[in-house]
């Protein structure tokens, strides 16, 4: 677990959004979090990046 997992999750979400721009981002974040075993801080980062656009 670590930065590599977070990078993999960002890559995964990016590819999914490229293939399906209308995808449910919340579900993608949940799926990536489980698939790459992200911790709550990493999940928050993804939420900020994709939902809150921070």
Protein backbone atom coordinates (compact mmCIF):
# COMPACT_ATOMS: atom_id res chain seq x y z
CA UNK A 1 0.00 0.00 0.00
CA UNK A 2 1.25 3.48 -0.71
CA UNK A 3 1.84 6.01 -3.42
CA UNK A 4 1.98 3.33 -6.12
CA UNK A 5 -1.55 2.19 -5.21
CA UNK A 6 -2.81 5.75 -5.38
CA UNK A 7 -1.13 6.28 -8.74
CA UNK A 8 -2.70 3.05 -9.99
CA UNK A 9 -6.11 4.21 -8.75
CA UNK A 10 -5.77 7.59 -10.51
CA UNK A 11 -4.71 5.79 -13.70
CA UNK A 12 -7.65 3.36 -13.39
CA UNK A 13 -10.18 6.17 -12.89
CA UNK A 14 -8.69 8.19 -15.73
CA UNK A 15 -8.93 5.27 -18.15
CA UNK A 16 -12.48 4.48 -17.08
CA UNK A 17 -13.52 8.12 -17.60
CA UNK A 18 -11.80 8.18 -20.99
CA UNK A 19 -13.75 5.10 -22.08
CA UNK A 20 -17.00 6.26 -20.46
CA UNK A 21 -17.10 10.02 -19.74
CA UNK A 22 -20.57 9.69 -18.18
CA UNK A 23 -19.46 7.13 -15.59
CA UNK A 24 -20.51 7.61 -11.97
CA UNK A 25 -17.36 9.05 -10.40
CA UNK A 26 -18.43 8.14 -6.86
CA UNK A 27 -18.74 4.48 -7.86
CA UNK A 28 -15.40 4.63 -9.67
CA UNK A 29 -13.71 6.03 -6.55
CA UNK A 30 -15.28 3.30 -4.42
CA UNK A 31 -14.22 0.62 -6.90
CA UNK A 32 -10.66 1.99 -7.15
CA UNK A 33 -10.44 2.25 -3.35
CA UNK A 34 -11.29 -1.41 -2.94
CA UNK A 35 -9.30 -2.64 -5.92
CA UNK A 36 -6.11 -0.84 -4.86
CA UNK A 37 -6.64 -1.08 -1.07
CA UNK A 38 -6.59 2.66 -0.46
CA UNK A 39 -6.70 4.20 2.99
CA UNK A 40 -9.20 6.94 3.95
CA UNK A 41 -6.73 9.74 3.19
CA UNK A 42 -6.14 8.38 -0.29
CA UNK A 43 -9.89 8.11 -0.85
CA UNK A 44 -10.25 11.71 0.26
CA UNK A 45 -7.56 12.72 -2.23
CA UNK A 46 -9.52 11.07 -5.05
CA UNK A 47 -12.73 12.76 -3.90
CA UNK A 48 -10.98 16.14 -3.86
CA UNK A 49 -9.40 15.52 -7.27
CA UNK A 50 -12.44 14.24 -9.14
CA UNK A 51 -15.49 15.59 -7.30
CA UNK A 52 -14.42 18.80 -5.60
CA UNK A 53 -11.82 19.59 -8.31
CA UNK A 54 -9.26 20.82 -5.74
